[in-house]
Amino acid sequence: MKRIETALLNSPDLDYRPFKIVVEKGMALLSGYLASEEEKRSALRIVESVKGIKGVKADIQVVNYKAYKDKS
């Protein structure tokens, strides 16, 4: 899991937000929130590239934080 967290933190493609990461038998389950579909695709690609990960399941919600900020 540390390798996944490190890969996500080091990615210039993501405005990293905390994820819940569970790895079981080489399958990674990611859950959390990201700001765009592009970031979601990038996160999945990054996790799939981590050594030892055979597949990724995602429960990632896309939330437009900027829209909420603009309303306040």
PDB file of N, CA and C in Angstrom:
ATOM      1  N   MET A   1       0.816  -1.201   0.000  1.00  0.00           N
ATOM      2  CA  MET A   1       0.000   0.000   0.000  1.00  0.00           C
ATOM      3  C   MET A   1       0.854   1.257   0.000  1.00  0.00           C
ATOM      4  N   LYS A   2       1.982   1.204   0.668  1.00  0.00           N
ATOM      5  CA  LYS A   2       2.858   2.386   0.701  1.00  0.00           C
ATOM      6  C   LYS A   2       3.322   2.742  -0.704  1.00  0.00           C
ATOM      7  N   ARG A   3       3.601   1.707  -1.529  1.00  0.00           N
ATOM      8  CA  ARG A   3       4.047   1.989  -2.899  1.00  0.00           C
ATOM      9  C   ARG A   3       2.953   2.696  -3.693  1.00  0.00           C
ATOM     10  N   ILE A   4       1.710   2.312  -3.456  1.00  0.00           N
ATOM     11  CA  ILE A   4       0.590   2.957  -4.148  1.00  0.00           C
ATOM     12  C   ILE A   4       0.465   4.402  -3.688  1.00  0.00           C
ATOM     13  N   GLU A   5       0.501   4.620  -2.373  1.00  0.00           N
ATOM     14  CA  GLU A   5       0.406   5.984  -1.842  1.00  0.00           C
ATOM     15  C   GLU A   5       1.520   6.861  -2.382  1.00  0.00           C
ATOM     16  N   THR A   6       2.729   6.339  -2.416  1.00  0.00           N
ATOM     17  CA  THR A   6       3.877   7.095  -2.911  1.00  0.00           C
ATOM     18  C   THR A   6       3.704   7.438  -4.382  1.00  0.00           C
ATOM     19  N   ALA A   7       3.263   6.462  -5.170  1.00  0.00           N
ATOM     20  CA  ALA A   7       3.057   6.708  -6.601  1.00  0.00           C
ATOM     21  C   ALA A   7       1.997   7.783  -6.821  1.00  0.00           C
ATOM     22  N   LEU A   8       0.919   7.738  -6.046  1.00  0.00           N
ATOM     23  CA  LEU A   8      -0.130   8.748  -6.185  1.00  0.00           C
ATOM     24  C   LEU A   8       0.358  10.121  -5.747  1.00  0.00           C
ATOM     25  N   LEU A   9       1.102  10.174  -4.650  1.00  0.00           N
ATOM     26  CA  LEU A   9       1.624  11.451  -4.154  1.00  0.00           C
ATOM     27  C   LEU A   9       2.599  12.087  -5.136  1.00  0.00           C
ATOM     28  N   ASN A  10       3.405  11.253  -5.811  1.00  0.00           N
ATOM     29  CA  ASN A  10       4.441  11.762  -6.704  1.00  0.00           C
ATOM     30  C   ASN A  10       3.938  12.097  -8.100  1.00  0.00           C
ATOM     31  N   SER A  11       2.677  11.831  -8.380  1.00  0.00           N
ATOM     32  CA  SER A  11       2.153  12.072  -9.724  1.00  0.00           C
ATOM     33  C   SER A  11       1.846  13.553  -9.946  1.00  0.00           C
ATOM     34  N   PRO A  12       2.384  14.120 -11.036  1.00  0.00           N
ATOM     35  CA  PRO A  12       2.056  15.509 -11.362  1.00  0.00           C
ATOM     36  C   PRO A  12       0.638  15.635 -11.935  1.00  0.00           C
ATOM     37  N   ASP A  13       0.016  14.496 -12.279  1.00  0.00           N
ATOM     38  CA  ASP A  13      -1.314  14.515 -12.889  1.00  0.00           C
ATOM     39  C   ASP A  13      -2.441  14.613 -11.863  1.00  0.00           C
ATOM     40  N   LEU A  14      -2.113  14.480 -10.579  1.00  0.00           N
ATOM     41  CA  LEU A  14      -3.153  14.453  -9.555  1.00  0.00           C
ATOM     42  C   LEU A  14      -2.964  15.561  -8.539  1.00  0.00           C
ATOM     43  N   ASP A  15      -4.080  16.151  -8.174  1.00  0.00           N
ATOM     44  CA  ASP A  15      -4.107  17.009  -6.999  1.00  0.00           C
ATOM     45  C   ASP A  15      -4.465  16.030  -5.884  1.00  0.00           C
ATOM     46  N   TYR A  16      -3.476  15.405  -5.287  1.00  0.00           N
ATOM     47  CA  TYR A  16      -3.687  14.245  -4.418  1.00  0.00           C
ATOM     48  C   TYR A  16      -4.617  14.550  -3.256  1.00  0.00           C
ATOM     49  N   ARG A  17      -5.572  13.684  -3.096  1.00  0.00           N
ATOM     50  CA  ARG A  17      -6.457  13.700  -1.930  1.00  0.00           C
ATOM     51  C   ARG A  17      -6.377  12.327  -1.305  1.00  0.00           C
ATOM     52  N   PRO A  18      -6.600  12.227  -0.021  1.00  0.00           N
ATOM     53  CA  PRO A  18      -6.490  10.916   0.622  1.00  0.00           C
ATOM     54  C   PRO A  18      -7.470   9.897   0.031  1.00  0.00           C
ATOM     55  N   PHE A  19      -6.956   8.723  -0.196  1.00  0.00           N
ATOM     56  CA  PHE A  19      -7.756   7.605  -0.666  1.00  0.00           C
ATOM     57  C   PHE A  19      -7.775   6.549   0.418  1.00  0.00           C
ATOM     58  N   LYS A  20      -8.791   5.753   0.409  1.00  0.00           N
ATOM     59  CA  LYS A  20      -8.750   4.532   1.189  1.00  0.00           C
ATOM     60  C   LYS A  20      -8.237   3.487   0.215  1.00  0.00           C
ATOM     61  N   ILE A  21      -7.167   2.806   0.591  1.00  0.00           N
ATOM     62  CA  ILE A  21      -6.548   1.813  -0.281  1.00  0.00           C
ATOM     63  C   ILE A  21      -6.528   0.487   0.448  1.00  0.00           C
ATOM     64  N   VAL A  22      -7.103  -0.524  -0.194  1.00  0.00           N
ATOM     65  CA  VAL A  22      -7.086  -1.870   0.354  1.00  0.00           C
ATOM     66  C   VAL A  22      -6.515  -2.772  -0.725  1.00  0.00           C
ATOM     67  N   VAL A  23      -5.510  -3.576  -0.362  1.00  0.00           N
ATOM     68  CA  VAL A  23      -4.927  -4.510  -1.313  1.00  0.00           C
ATOM     69  C   VAL A  23      -5.116  -5.915  -0.774  1.00  0.00           C
ATOM     70  N   GLU A  24      -5.692  -6.760  -1.616  1.00  0.00           N
ATOM     71  CA  GLU A  24      -5.907  -8.145  -1.228  1.00  0.00           C
ATOM     72  C   GLU A  24      -5.609  -9.038  -2.420  1.00  0.00           C
ATOM     73  N   LYS A  25      -4.637  -9.920  -2.252  1.00  0.00           N
ATOM     74  CA  LYS A  25      -4.245 -10.872  -3.296  1.00  0.00           C
ATOM     75  C   LYS A  25      -3.927 -10.178  -4.622  1.00  0.00           C
ATOM     76  N   GLY A  26      -3.249  -9.057  -4.542  1.00  0.00           N
ATOM     77  CA  GLY A  26      -2.831  -8.341  -5.744  1.00  0.00           C
ATOM     78  C   GLY A  26      -3.876  -7.419  -6.341  1.00  0.00           C
ATOM     79  N   MET A  27      -5.071  -7.425  -5.786  1.00  0.00           N
ATOM     80  CA  MET A  27      -6.125  -6.530  -6.259  1.00  0.00           C
ATOM     81  C   MET A  27      -6.175  -5.305  -5.346  1.00  0.00           C
ATOM     82  N   ALA A  28      -6.180  -4.137  -5.942  1.00  0.00           N
ATOM     83  CA  ALA A  28      -6.245  -2.896  -5.164  1.00  0.00           C
ATOM     84  C   ALA A  28      -7.653  -2.326  -5.264  1.00  0.00           C
ATOM     85  N   LEU A  29      -8.203  -1.943  -4.135  1.00  0.00           N
ATOM     86  CA  LEU A  29      -9.492  -1.249  -4.104  1.00  0.00           C
ATOM     87  C   LEU A  29      -9.220   0.168  -3.640  1.00  0.00           C
ATOM     88  N   LEU A  30      -9.572   1.114  -4.475  1.00  0.00           N
ATOM     89  CA  LEU A  30      -9.392   2.533  -4.179  1.00  0.00           C
ATOM     90  C   LEU A  30     -10.751   3.154  -3.950  1.00  0.00           C
ATOM     91  N   SER A  31     -10.884   3.917  -2.888  1.00  0.00           N
ATOM     92  CA  SER A  31     -12.106   4.681  -2.704  1.00  0.00           C
ATOM     93  C   SER A  31     -11.736   6.067  -2.213  1.00  0.00           C
ATOM     94  N   GLY A  32     -12.520   7.037  -2.637  1.00  0.00           N
ATOM     95  CA  GLY A  32     -12.253   8.412  -2.266  1.00  0.00           C
ATOM     96  C   GLY A  32     -12.872   9.366  -3.271  1.00  0.00           C
ATOM     97  N   TYR A  33     -12.337  10.565  -3.322  1.00  0.00           N
ATOM     98  CA  TYR A  33     -12.890  11.617  -4.158  1.00  0.00           C
ATOM     99  C   TYR A  33     -11.789  12.278  -4.970  1.00  0.00           C
ATOM    100  N   LEU A  34     -12.098  12.597  -6.224  1.00  0.00           N
ATOM    101  CA  LEU A  34     -11.194  13.351  -7.085  1.00  0.00           C
ATOM    102  C   LEU A  34     -11.988  14.444  -7.780  1.00  0.00           C
ATOM    103  N   ALA A  35     -11.270  15.402  -8.354  1.00  0.00           N
ATOM    104  CA  ALA A  35     -11.912  16.578  -8.928  1.00  0.00           C
ATOM    105  C   ALA A  35     -12.360  16.402 -10.370  1.00  0.00           C
ATOM    106  N   SER A  36     -11.873  15.352 -11.069  1.00  0.00           N
ATOM    107  CA  SER A  36     -12.249  15.206 -12.474  1.00  0.00           C
ATOM    108  C   SER A  36     -12.116  13.758 -12.930  1.00  0.00           C
ATOM    109  N   GLU A  37     -12.765  13.471 -14.051  1.00  0.00           N
ATOM    110  CA  GLU A  37     -12.645  12.142 -14.665  1.00  0.00           C
ATOM    111  C   GLU A  37     -11.203  11.891 -15.106  1.00  0.00           C
ATOM    112  N   GLU A  38     -10.514  12.947 -15.551  1.00  0.00           N
ATOM    113  CA  GLU A  38      -9.117  12.799 -15.968  1.00  0.00           C
ATOM    114  C   GLU A  38      -8.253  12.344 -14.794  1.00  0.00           C
ATOM    115  N   GLU A  39      -8.477  12.966 -13.617  1.00  0.00           N
ATOM    116  CA  GLU A  39      -7.709  12.567 -12.432  1.00  0.00           C
ATOM    117  C   GLU A  39      -8.041  11.120 -12.045  1.00  0.00           C
ATOM    118  N   LYS A  40      -9.291  10.747 -12.195  1.00  0.00           N
ATOM    119  CA  LYS A  40      -9.690   9.378 -11.871  1.00  0.00           C
ATOM    120  C   LYS A  40      -8.966   8.393 -12.781  1.00  0.00           C
ATOM    121  N   ARG A  41      -8.954   8.676 -14.083  1.00  0.00           N
ATOM    122  CA  ARG A  41      -8.252   7.793 -15.032  1.00  0.00           C
ATOM    123  C   ARG A  41      -6.765   7.736 -14.717  1.00  0.00           C
ATOM    124  N   SER A  42      -6.178   8.878 -14.387  1.00  0.00           N
ATOM    125  CA  SER A  42      -4.752   8.917 -14.037  1.00  0.00           C
ATOM    126  C   SER A  42      -4.470   8.088 -12.797  1.00  0.00           C
ATOM    127  N   ALA A  43      -5.306   8.221 -11.779  1.00  0.00           N
ATOM    128  CA  ALA A  43      -5.116   7.465 -10.536  1.00  0.00           C
ATOM    129  C   ALA A  43      -5.168   5.967 -10.809  1.00  0.00           C
ATOM    130  N   LEU A  44      -6.128   5.534 -11.606  1.00  0.00           N
ATOM    131  CA  LEU A  44      -6.243   4.109 -11.925  1.00  0.00           C
ATOM    132  C   LEU A  44      -5.021   3.619 -12.688  1.00  0.00           C
ATOM    133  N   ARG A  45      -4.562   4.427 -13.643  1.00  0.00           N
ATOM    134  CA  ARG A  45      -3.370   4.069 -14.423  1.00  0.00           C
ATOM    135  C   ARG A  45      -2.146   3.947 -13.517  1.00  0.00           C
ATOM    136  N   ILE A  46      -2.005   4.885 -12.604  1.00  0.00           N
ATOM    137  CA  ILE A  46      -0.857   4.887 -11.684  1.00  0.00           C
ATOM    138  C   ILE A  46      -0.879   3.639 -10.815  1.00  0.00           C
ATOM    139  N   VAL A  47      -2.018   3.325 -10.234  1.00  0.00           N
ATOM    140  CA  VAL A  47      -2.120   2.167  -9.344  1.00  0.00           C
ATOM    141  C   VAL A  47      -1.864   0.880 -10.118  1.00  0.00           C
ATOM    142  N   GLU A  48      -2.391   0.779 -11.345  1.00  0.00           N
ATOM    143  CA  GLU A  48      -2.170  -0.418 -12.162  1.00  0.00           C
ATOM    144  C   GLU A  48      -0.694  -0.627 -12.473  1.00  0.00           C
ATOM    145  N   SER A  49       0.084   0.455 -12.499  1.00  0.00           N
ATOM    146  CA  SER A  49       1.500   0.347 -12.850  1.00  0.00           C
ATOM    147  C   SER A  49       2.385  -0.043 -11.662  1.00  0.00           C
ATOM    148  N   VAL A  50       1.836  -0.071 -10.455  1.00  0.00           N
ATOM    149  CA  VAL A  50       2.620  -0.408  -9.260  1.00  0.00           C
ATOM    150  C   VAL A  50       2.931  -1.904  -9.270  1.00  0.00           C
ATOM    151  N   LYS A  51       4.177  -2.213  -9.013  1.00  0.00           N
ATOM    152  CA  LYS A  51       4.630  -3.604  -9.012  1.00  0.00           C
ATOM    153  C   LYS A  51       3.821  -4.432  -8.010  1.00  0.00           C
ATOM    154  N   GLY A  52       3.367  -5.587  -8.464  1.00  0.00           N
ATOM    155  CA  GLY A  52       2.628  -6.486  -7.594  1.00  0.00           C
ATOM    156  C   GLY A  52       1.114  -6.330  -7.674  1.00  0.00           C
ATOM    157  N   ILE A  53       0.651  -5.263  -8.336  1.00  0.00           N
ATOM    158  CA  ILE A  53      -0.790  -5.044  -8.461  1.00  0.00           C
ATOM    159  C   ILE A  53      -1.272  -5.717  -9.743  1.00  0.00           C
ATOM    160  N   LYS A  54      -2.251  -6.598  -9.592  1.00  0.00           N
ATOM    161  CA  LYS A  54      -2.787  -7.345 -10.737  1.00  0.00           C
ATOM    162  C   LYS A  54      -4.034  -6.696 -11.316  1.00  0.00           C
ATOM    163  N   GLY A  55      -4.709  -5.889 -10.527  1.00  0.00           N
ATOM    164  CA  GLY A  55      -5.919  -5.230 -10.994  1.00  0.00           C
ATOM    165  C   GLY A  55      -6.374  -4.183 -10.002  1.00  0.00           C
ATOM    166  N   VAL A  56      -7.273  -3.328 -10.465  1.00  0.00           N
ATOM    167  CA  VAL A  56      -7.750  -2.234  -9.625  1.00  0.00           C
ATOM    168  C   VAL A  56      -9.274  -2.149  -9.717  1.00  0.00           C
ATOM    169  N   LYS A  57      -9.889  -2.037  -8.574  1.00  0.00           N
ATOM    170  CA  LYS A  57     -11.316  -1.729  -8.507  1.00  0.00           C
ATOM    171  C   LYS A  57     -11.408  -0.338  -7.904  1.00  0.00           C
ATOM    172  N   ALA A  58     -12.283   0.476  -8.463  1.00  0.00           N
ATOM    173  CA  ALA A  58     -12.357   1.853  -7.995  1.00  0.00           C
ATOM    174  C   ALA A  58     -13.754   2.221  -7.539  1.00  0.00           C
ATOM    175  N   ASP A  59     -13.809   2.827  -6.387  1.00  0.00           N
ATOM    176  CA  ASP A  59     -15.027   3.437  -5.881  1.00  0.00           C
ATOM    177  C   ASP A  59     -14.683   4.910  -5.654  1.00  0.00           C
ATOM    178  N   ILE A  60     -14.341   5.577  -6.751  1.00  0.00           N
ATOM    179  CA  ILE A  60     -13.897   6.974  -6.691  1.00  0.00           C
ATOM    180  C   ILE A  60     -15.010   7.865  -7.217  1.00  0.00           C
ATOM    181  N   GLN A  61     -15.392   8.816  -6.410  1.00  0.00           N
ATOM    182  CA  GLN A  61     -16.422   9.772  -6.795  1.00  0.00           C
ATOM    183  C   GLN A  61     -15.752  11.027  -7.356  1.00  0.00           C
ATOM    184  N   VAL A  62     -16.283  11.532  -8.455  1.00  0.00           N
ATOM    185  CA  VAL A  62     -15.769  12.772  -9.030  1.00  0.00           C
ATOM    186  C   VAL A  62     -16.612  13.915  -8.478  1.00  0.00           C
ATOM    187  N   VAL A  63     -15.934  14.846  -7.801  1.00  0.00           N
ATOM    188  CA  VAL A  63     -16.602  15.981  -7.171  1.00  0.00           C
ATOM    189  C   VAL A  63     -15.911  17.253  -7.641  1.00  0.00           C
ATOM    190  N   ASN A  64     -16.704  18.173  -8.144  1.00  0.00           N
ATOM    191  CA  ASN A  64     -16.148  19.437  -8.604  1.00  0.00           C
ATOM    192  C   ASN A  64     -16.061  20.394  -7.417  1.00  0.00           C
ATOM    193  N   TYR A  65     -14.917  20.362  -6.743  1.00  0.00           N
ATOM    194  CA  TYR A  65     -14.721  21.210  -5.553  1.00  0.00           C
ATOM    195  C   TYR A  65     -14.803  22.691  -5.896  1.00  0.00           C
ATOM    196  N   LYS A  66     -14.321  23.062  -7.079  1.00  0.00           N
ATOM    197  CA  LYS A  66     -14.324  24.466  -7.477  1.00  0.00           C
ATOM    198  C   LYS A  66     -15.754  25.004  -7.526  1.00  0.00           C
ATOM    199  N   ALA A  67     -16.685  24.216  -8.008  1.00  0.00           N
ATOM    200  CA  ALA A  67     -18.080  24.661  -8.089  1.00  0.00           C
ATOM    201  C   ALA A  67     -18.619  24.967  -6.690  1.00  0.00           C
ATOM    202  N   TYR A  68     -18.255  24.140  -5.716  1.00  0.00           N
ATOM    203  CA  TYR A  68     -18.706  24.387  -4.349  1.00  0.00           C
ATOM    204  C   TYR A  68     -18.079  25.655  -3.780  1.00  0.00           C
ATOM    205  N   LYS A  69     -16.787  25.866  -4.075  1.00  0.00           N
ATOM    206  CA  LYS A  69     -16.113  27.061  -3.589  1.00  0.00           C
ATOM    207  C   LYS A  69     -16.738  28.316  -4.181  1.00  0.00           C
ATOM    208  N   ASP A  70     -17.066  28.255  -5.472  1.00  0.00           N
ATOM    209  CA  ASP A  70     -17.628  29.421  -6.163  1.00  0.00           C
ATOM    210  C   ASP A  70     -18.984  29.818  -5.603  1.00  0.00           C
ATOM    211  N   LYS A  71     -19.728  28.879  -5.034  1.00  0.00           N
ATOM    212  CA  LYS A  71     -21.052  29.165  -4.504  1.00  0.00           C
ATOM    213  C   LYS A  71     -21.008  29.847  -3.146  1.00  0.00           C
ATOM    214  N   SER A  72     -19.880  29.718  -2.424  1.00  0.00           N
ATOM    215  CA  SER A  72     -19.844  30.287  -1.076  1.00  0.00           C
ATOM    216  C   SER A  72     -19.427  31.729  -1.050  1.00  0.00           C
TER     217      SER A  72
END
